[in-house]
Protein backbone atom coordinates (compact mmCIF):
# COMPACT_ATOMS: atom_id res chain seq x y z
CA VAL A 1 91.26 75.09 228.80
CA TYR A 2 91.53 74.60 225.03
CA LYS A 3 93.76 71.52 225.41
CA ARG A 4 91.37 69.99 227.94
CA GLN A 5 88.35 70.56 225.67
CA PHE A 6 90.26 69.09 222.73
CA VAL A 7 91.27 65.99 224.69
CA GLU A 8 87.74 65.49 226.04
CA ARG A 9 86.31 65.67 222.50
CA GLN A 10 88.91 63.18 221.26
CA ILE A 11 88.10 60.77 224.09
CA ARG A 12 84.35 60.99 223.35
CA PHE A 13 85.03 60.47 219.64
CA PHE A 14 87.18 57.39 220.16
CA LYS A 15 84.90 55.92 222.85
CA ARG A 16 81.97 56.10 220.42
CA HIS A 17 84.07 54.59 217.65
CA LEU A 18 85.37 51.76 219.84
CA SER A 19 81.99 50.99 221.38
CA GLN A 20 80.47 50.65 217.91
CA GLU A 21 83.08 48.01 217.07
CA THR A 22 82.79 45.98 220.27
CA GLU A 23 79.10 46.09 221.15
CA PRO A 24 76.49 44.30 219.07
CA GLN A 25 74.15 46.88 217.62
CA ASP A 26 70.84 46.91 215.83
CA THR A 27 71.95 47.72 212.29
CA GLU A 28 68.73 49.57 211.48
CA LYS A 29 69.19 52.05 214.32
CA ALA A 30 72.98 52.11 214.70
CA GLN A 31 75.05 54.90 213.26
CA PRO A 32 77.71 53.69 210.86
CA THR A 33 81.28 53.63 212.06
CA LEU A 34 83.63 56.05 210.36
CA GLU A 35 85.09 53.21 208.32
CA GLU A 36 81.65 51.99 207.17
CA PHE A 37 80.56 55.53 206.34
CA PHE A 38 83.78 56.26 204.47
CA ASN A 39 83.90 53.00 202.50
CA SER A 40 80.28 53.32 201.41
CA ARG A 41 80.89 56.79 199.94
CA SER A 42 84.54 57.02 198.95
CA SER A 43 84.98 56.78 195.20
CA ARG A 44 87.99 58.83 194.17
CA LYS A 45 91.48 57.54 193.59
CA GLY A 46 94.65 59.49 193.01
CA ARG A 47 94.61 63.25 192.98
CA GLY A 48 91.11 63.93 194.32
CA ALA A 49 91.17 61.20 196.98
CA ILE A 50 92.60 63.42 199.73
CA GLN A 51 90.06 66.19 199.14
CA GLU A 52 87.22 63.69 199.10
CA SER A 53 88.53 62.07 202.30
CA LEU A 54 88.71 65.43 204.08
CA LEU A 55 85.15 66.26 203.06
CA LEU A 56 83.83 62.86 204.16
CA PHE A 57 85.64 63.06 207.51
CA GLY A 58 84.31 66.55 208.18
CA TYR A 59 80.80 65.53 207.19
CA TYR A 60 80.95 62.43 209.40
CA LEU A 61 82.19 64.36 212.43
CA GLN A 62 79.59 67.06 212.01
CA VAL A 63 76.50 65.26 210.75
CA VAL A 64 76.84 61.67 212.00
CA GLU A 65 78.71 62.36 215.25
CA GLY A 66 76.75 65.57 215.85
CA GLN A 67 79.69 67.88 216.47
CA PRO A 68 78.86 71.45 215.46
CA GLU A 69 82.52 72.02 214.48
CA PHE A 70 85.65 69.94 214.09
CA SER A 71 89.37 70.61 214.29
CA ILE A 72 92.19 69.79 211.92
CA GLU A 73 93.50 67.36 214.55
CA GLN A 74 90.20 65.48 214.55
CA ILE A 75 90.29 65.29 210.75
CA GLY A 76 93.86 64.00 210.94
CA ALA A 77 92.85 61.31 213.43
CA CYS A 78 90.36 59.92 210.90
CA PHE A 79 92.93 58.91 208.27
CA PRO A 80 94.41 55.91 210.12
CA LEU A 81 90.92 54.75 211.15
CA VAL A 82 90.05 54.13 207.50
CA GLY A 83 93.51 52.95 206.43
CA ARG A 84 94.48 56.04 204.43
CA ASP A 85 97.71 58.02 204.59
CA MET A 86 97.43 61.55 205.87
CA PRO A 87 98.44 64.29 203.42
CA LYS A 88 101.93 65.71 203.87
CA ASN A 89 100.52 69.12 204.75
CA LEU A 90 97.13 68.61 206.36
CA HIS A 91 96.68 72.32 207.21
CA HIS A 92 97.22 73.31 203.58
CA SER A 93 94.81 70.61 202.36
CA VAL A 94 92.07 71.73 204.75
CA GLY A 95 92.72 75.36 203.76
CA THR A 96 92.29 74.44 200.10
CA LEU A 97 88.87 72.93 200.83
CA LYS A 98 87.90 76.14 202.61
CA ARG A 99 89.35 78.79 200.28
CA LYS A 100 89.41 77.19 196.83
CA HIS A 101 86.46 74.80 196.89
CA GLY A 102 84.29 76.35 199.59
CA TRP A 103 83.46 72.92 201.06
CA PHE A 104 84.49 73.93 204.59
CA LYS A 105 83.83 77.20 206.39
CA GLU A 106 85.49 78.79 209.41
CA GLY A 107 84.28 77.72 212.80
CA SER A 108 83.67 79.89 215.84
CA LYS A 109 87.25 79.40 217.09
CA ARG A 110 90.60 79.43 215.35
CA GLY A 111 91.44 76.05 213.86
CA PHE A 112 87.84 74.83 213.83
CA TYR A 113 85.68 74.28 210.76
CA SER A 114 82.27 73.08 209.65
CA VAL A 115 81.06 71.66 206.35
CA SER A 116 79.44 74.26 204.12
CA GLU A 117 76.20 73.72 202.23
CA ALA A 118 78.26 73.28 199.06
CA GLY A 119 80.24 70.54 200.78
CA ARG A 120 77.14 68.81 202.12
CA THR A 121 75.62 68.53 198.65
CA LEU A 122 78.69 66.65 197.42
CA VAL A 123 78.44 63.84 199.96
CA LYS A 124 76.58 61.12 198.15
CA PRO A 125 73.94 59.08 199.95
CA VAL A 126 74.37 55.34 200.40
CA LYS A 127 72.67 53.34 197.68
């Protein structure tokens, strides 16, 4: 059951992403693609870039895509979509955002997370 739910969420995620790239959309009403959202907010280079990327991906999945929670696998799937390399230990990186920074909080099931209020305040609006 868990694998089926995971696969169905991934399919919905990628269908939305692909349809935004192929269908003409009204830019005033259309949600940004992950790449547009990420590029308009990403600012860090070097050491903090991975943490910022994780926060932006989680925020996008939860707030823009409307998912109440997201998995580490979904976060990992975002890296190639924006042309970034995934961290060597994605689980550790996500855990750091949860335990050390408090930007993520535990979800209702094991391996699922949501962006905390502290994390939400760090995502800068588009200028």
